Amino acid sequence: MPETEDHTTARLNQLYLEIEGLYHDYAKRHGLSDSMLWLLYSLQLHREQLTQRRLCDEWHTSPQTMNYALKILEGKGYVSLEPLPGGRHDKAIVITRQGQALIDDVIEPLMRGERHAFHSLNETEQGQLLSLTGKLVSALRDALGPGDF
């Protein structure tokens, strides 16, 4: 039986969900929620002071979800929240020494694994993957946005 367009898009969705599941399982094995994993990942990636608002925008996460993850990480001593100069409500998320140890033990190996997996593709494939995925996200944003199809 030939594959229909719906089967093809379903397969693509299954692959994306499989990737999401790999990250979820990794986070769970290390005692983290998905949101905590991405928060720590982002702190390591940028190596600069970030705000909750920027993290929500970057990872497409609700403020409530990010706030919950932050409160848990803060309670465990992995991050602290410090007022920004001139900022009214925004606070900088600062990695503590204990938080940096967690990043070194959990996030760095994850990033190494990602680099290893990404390098299993040649440069052309890497560029195509990023380009086509970006194009698909843009088309989905247009198709699934407010209004009729």
C-alpha atoms as a PDB file:
ATOM      1  CA  MET A   1       0.000   0.000   0.000  1.00  0.00           C
ATOM      2  CA  PRO A   2       1.554   3.327  -1.022  1.00  0.00           C
ATOM      3  CA  GLU A   3       2.231   5.901   1.640  1.00  0.00           C
ATOM      4  CA  THR A   4      -0.111   8.867   1.640  1.00  0.00           C
ATOM      5  CA  GLU A   5       0.857  12.423   2.463  1.00  0.00           C
ATOM      6  CA  ASP A   6      -0.806  11.970   5.852  1.00  0.00           C
ATOM      7  CA  HIS A   7       1.320   8.885   6.535  1.00  0.00           C
ATOM      8  CA  THR A   8       4.438  10.829   5.589  1.00  0.00           C
ATOM      9  CA  THR A   9       3.637  13.743   7.883  1.00  0.00           C
ATOM     10  CA  ALA A  10       2.671  11.311  10.649  1.00  0.00           C
ATOM     11  CA  ARG A  11       6.055   9.605  10.269  1.00  0.00           C
ATOM     12  CA  LEU A  12       7.788  12.982  10.479  1.00  0.00           C
ATOM     13  CA  ASN A  13       5.833  13.765  13.655  1.00  0.00           C
ATOM     14  CA  GLN A  14       6.802  10.380  15.091  1.00  0.00           C
ATOM     15  CA  LEU A  15      10.471  11.126  14.422  1.00  0.00           C
ATOM     16  CA  TYR A  16      10.226  14.531  16.120  1.00  0.00           C
ATOM     17  CA  LEU A  17       8.476  12.926  19.087  1.00  0.00           C
ATOM     18  CA  GLU A  18      11.152  10.232  19.245  1.00  0.00           C
ATOM     19  CA  ILE A  19      13.807  12.942  19.468  1.00  0.00           C
ATOM     20  CA  GLU A  20      11.775  14.710  22.151  1.00  0.00           C
ATOM     21  CA  GLY A  21      11.501  11.385  24.000  1.00  0.00           C
ATOM     22  CA  LEU A  22      15.268  10.894  23.897  1.00  0.00           C
ATOM     23  CA  TYR A  23      15.772  14.261  25.602  1.00  0.00           C
ATOM     24  CA  HIS A  24      12.973  13.544  28.084  1.00  0.00           C
ATOM     25  CA  ASP A  25      14.512  10.188  29.044  1.00  0.00           C
ATOM     26  CA  TYR A  26      17.952  11.789  29.382  1.00  0.00           C
ATOM     27  CA  ALA A  27      16.544  14.491  31.672  1.00  0.00           C
ATOM     28  CA  LYS A  28      14.640  11.932  33.734  1.00  0.00           C
ATOM     29  CA  ARG A  29      17.735   9.726  34.165  1.00  0.00           C
ATOM     30  CA  HIS A  30      19.485  12.739  35.665  1.00  0.00           C
ATOM     31  CA  GLY A  31      16.632  13.756  37.962  1.00  0.00           C
ATOM     32  CA  LEU A  32      15.562  16.737  35.856  1.00  0.00           C
ATOM     33  CA  SER A  33      12.357  17.790  34.190  1.00  0.00           C
ATOM     34  CA  ASP A  34      12.482  18.703  30.512  1.00  0.00           C
ATOM     35  CA  SER A  35      12.209  22.399  31.412  1.00  0.00           C
ATOM     36  CA  MET A  36      15.066  22.186  33.901  1.00  0.00           C
ATOM     37  CA  LEU A  37      17.207  20.429  31.285  1.00  0.00           C
ATOM     38  CA  TRP A  38      16.593  23.145  28.668  1.00  0.00           C
ATOM     39  CA  LEU A  39      17.103  25.913  31.203  1.00  0.00           C
ATOM     40  CA  LEU A  40      20.515  24.529  32.202  1.00  0.00           C
ATOM     41  CA  TYR A  41      21.315  23.822  28.545  1.00  0.00           C
ATOM     42  CA  SER A  42      20.595  27.434  27.648  1.00  0.00           C
ATOM     43  CA  LEU A  43      22.702  28.761  30.517  1.00  0.00           C
ATOM     44  CA  GLN A  44      25.624  26.645  29.308  1.00  0.00           C
ATOM     45  CA  LEU A  45      25.054  27.559  25.671  1.00  0.00           C
ATOM     46  CA  HIS A  46      25.019  31.317  26.212  1.00  0.00           C
ATOM     47  CA  ARG A  47      27.366  31.574  29.189  1.00  0.00           C
ATOM     48  CA  GLU A  48      25.869  34.927  30.036  1.00  0.00           C
ATOM     49  CA  GLN A  49      23.194  36.236  32.330  1.00  0.00           C
ATOM     50  CA  LEU A  50      19.780  35.274  31.032  1.00  0.00           C
ATOM     51  CA  THR A  51      16.321  36.246  32.162  1.00  0.00           C
ATOM     52  CA  GLN A  52      13.285  34.036  32.513  1.00  0.00           C
ATOM     53  CA  ARG A  53      11.593  36.025  29.745  1.00  0.00           C
ATOM     54  CA  ARG A  54      14.439  35.360  27.299  1.00  0.00           C
ATOM     55  CA  LEU A  55      14.424  31.643  28.118  1.00  0.00           C
ATOM     56  CA  CYS A  56      10.667  31.431  27.560  1.00  0.00           C
ATOM     57  CA  ASP A  57      11.015  33.143  24.191  1.00  0.00           C
ATOM     58  CA  GLU A  58      13.991  31.035  23.155  1.00  0.00           C
ATOM     59  CA  TRP A  59      12.544  27.652  24.133  1.00  0.00           C
ATOM     60  CA  HIS A  60       8.862  28.434  23.427  1.00  0.00           C
ATOM     61  CA  THR A  61       7.915  27.644  27.009  1.00  0.00           C
ATOM     62  CA  SER A  62       5.203  29.209  29.127  1.00  0.00           C
ATOM     63  CA  PRO A  63       6.350  31.557  31.908  1.00  0.00           C
ATOM     64  CA  GLN A  64       4.626  29.298  34.468  1.00  0.00           C
ATOM     65  CA  THR A  65       6.569  26.234  33.319  1.00  0.00           C
ATOM     66  CA  MET A  66       9.879  28.099  33.302  1.00  0.00           C
ATOM     67  CA  ASN A  67       9.163  29.700  36.681  1.00  0.00           C
ATOM     68  CA  TYR A  68       8.429  26.284  38.194  1.00  0.00           C
ATOM     69  CA  ALA A  69      11.707  24.876  36.819  1.00  0.00           C
ATOM     70  CA  LEU A  70      13.608  27.911  38.085  1.00  0.00           C
ATOM     71  CA  LYS A  71      12.134  27.622  41.571  1.00  0.00           C
ATOM     72  CA  ILE A  72      13.140  23.959  41.808  1.00  0.00           C
ATOM     73  CA  LEU A  73      16.678  24.647  40.560  1.00  0.00           C
ATOM     74  CA  GLU A  74      16.948  27.613  42.909  1.00  0.00           C
ATOM     75  CA  GLY A  75      15.682  25.512  45.823  1.00  0.00           C
ATOM     76  CA  LYS A  76      18.341  22.886  45.117  1.00  0.00           C
ATOM     77  CA  GLY A  77      21.051  25.552  45.011  1.00  0.00           C
ATOM     78  CA  TYR A  78      21.838  25.240  41.286  1.00  0.00           C
ATOM     79  CA  VAL A  79      20.884  28.799  40.346  1.00  0.00           C
ATOM     80  CA  SER A  80      20.172  32.079  42.046  1.00  0.00           C
ATOM     81  CA  LEU A  81      18.052  34.971  40.843  1.00  0.00           C
ATOM     82  CA  GLU A  82      19.577  38.426  41.031  1.00  0.00           C
ATOM     83  CA  PRO A  83      17.903  41.746  40.232  1.00  0.00           C
ATOM     84  CA  LEU A  84      19.113  43.394  37.041  1.00  0.00           C
ATOM     85  CA  PRO A  85      20.335  46.978  37.291  1.00  0.00           C
ATOM     86  CA  GLY A  86      17.479  49.230  36.252  1.00  0.00           C
ATOM     87  CA  GLY A  87      15.187  46.249  35.778  1.00  0.00           C
ATOM     88  CA  ARG A  88      11.779  46.411  37.339  1.00  0.00           C
ATOM     89  CA  HIS A  89      10.806  42.772  37.452  1.00  0.00           C
ATOM     90  CA  ASP A  90      13.354  40.861  35.404  1.00  0.00           C
ATOM     91  CA  LYS A  91      16.034  39.007  37.282  1.00  0.00           C
ATOM     92  CA  ALA A  92      19.211  37.463  35.976  1.00  0.00           C
ATOM     93  CA  ILE A  93      19.547  33.710  36.357  1.00  0.00           C
ATOM     94  CA  VAL A  94      22.984  33.047  37.808  1.00  0.00           C
ATOM     95  CA  ILE A  95      24.606  29.614  37.907  1.00  0.00           C
ATOM     96  CA  THR A  96      25.991  28.658  41.309  1.00  0.00           C
ATOM     97  CA  ARG A  97      29.090  26.538  41.803  1.00  0.00           C
ATOM     98  CA  GLN A  98      26.837  23.550  42.460  1.00  0.00           C
ATOM     99  CA  GLY A  99      24.863  24.376  39.304  1.00  0.00           C
ATOM    100  CA  GLN A 100      28.031  24.516  37.218  1.00  0.00           C
ATOM    101  CA  ALA A 101      28.983  21.073  38.529  1.00  0.00           C
ATOM    102  CA  LEU A 102      25.570  19.784  37.413  1.00  0.00           C
ATOM    103  CA  ILE A 103      26.052  21.383  33.996  1.00  0.00           C
ATOM    104  CA  ASP A 104      29.499  19.799  33.700  1.00  0.00           C
ATOM    105  CA  ASP A 105      28.120  16.370  34.667  1.00  0.00           C
ATOM    106  CA  VAL A 106      24.830  16.418  32.738  1.00  0.00           C
ATOM    107  CA  ILE A 107      24.635  19.154  30.099  1.00  0.00           C
ATOM    108  CA  GLU A 108      28.161  18.944  28.691  1.00  0.00           C
ATOM    109  CA  PRO A 109      27.865  15.192  27.945  1.00  0.00           C
ATOM    110  CA  LEU A 110      24.502  15.880  26.306  1.00  0.00           C
ATOM    111  CA  MET A 111      26.020  18.570  24.101  1.00  0.00           C
ATOM    112  CA  ARG A 112      28.914  16.271  23.183  1.00  0.00           C
ATOM    113  CA  GLY A 113      26.404  13.595  22.203  1.00  0.00           C
ATOM    114  CA  GLU A 114      24.495  16.090  20.068  1.00  0.00           C
ATOM    115  CA  ARG A 115      27.683  17.204  18.322  1.00  0.00           C
ATOM    116  CA  HIS A 116      28.646  13.583  17.690  1.00  0.00           C
ATOM    117  CA  ALA A 117      25.208  12.801  16.242  1.00  0.00           C
ATOM    118  CA  PHE A 118      25.164  15.974  14.128  1.00  0.00           C
ATOM    119  CA  HIS A 119      28.600  15.155  12.735  1.00  0.00           C
ATOM    120  CA  SER A 120      27.234  11.821  11.503  1.00  0.00           C
ATOM    121  CA  LEU A 121      25.770  14.033   8.757  1.00  0.00           C
ATOM    122  CA  ASN A 122      28.071  15.665   6.235  1.00  0.00           C
ATOM    123  CA  GLU A 123      28.179  19.474   5.985  1.00  0.00           C
ATOM    124  CA  THR A 124      25.696  19.554   3.118  1.00  0.00           C
ATOM    125  CA  GLU A 125      23.257  17.343   5.017  1.00  0.00           C
ATOM    126  CA  GLN A 126      23.646  19.478   8.142  1.00  0.00           C
ATOM    127  CA  GLY A 127      22.801  22.619   6.189  1.00  0.00           C
ATOM    128  CA  GLN A 128      19.881  20.936   4.452  1.00  0.00           C
ATOM    129  CA  LEU A 129      18.484  19.619   7.725  1.00  0.00           C
ATOM    130  CA  LEU A 130      18.585  23.051   9.340  1.00  0.00           C
ATOM    131  CA  SER A 131      17.239  24.818   6.263  1.00  0.00           C
ATOM    132  CA  LEU A 132      14.397  22.388   5.593  1.00  0.00           C
ATOM    133  CA  THR A 133      13.407  22.150   9.256  1.00  0.00           C
ATOM    134  CA  GLY A 134      13.300  25.951   9.481  1.00  0.00           C
ATOM    135  CA  LYS A 135      11.221  26.103   6.311  1.00  0.00           C
ATOM    136  CA  LEU A 136       8.794  23.511   7.690  1.00  0.00           C
ATOM    137  CA  VAL A 137       8.465  25.334  11.023  1.00  0.00           C
ATOM    138  CA  SER A 138       7.682  28.564   9.190  1.00  0.00           C
ATOM    139  CA  ALA A 139       5.067  26.866   6.994  1.00  0.00           C
ATOM    140  CA  LEU A 140       3.481  25.181  10.032  1.00  0.00           C
ATOM    141  CA  ARG A 141       3.411  28.485  11.900  1.00  0.00           C
ATOM    142  CA  ASP A 142       1.529  30.013   8.962  1.00  0.00           C
ATOM    143  CA  ALA A 143      -0.809  27.031   8.550  1.00  0.00           C
ATOM    144  CA  LEU A 144      -1.614  26.536  12.228  1.00  0.00           C
ATOM    145  CA  GLY A 145      -1.818  30.189  13.196  1.00  0.00           C
ATOM    146  CA  PRO A 146      -5.051  31.991  13.953  1.00  0.00           C
ATOM    147  CA  GLY A 147      -7.696  31.887  11.258  1.00  0.00           C
ATOM    148  CA  ASP A 148      -9.045  29.358   8.833  1.00  0.00           C
ATOM    149  CA  PHE A 149      -6.926  26.966   6.800  1.00  0.00           C
END
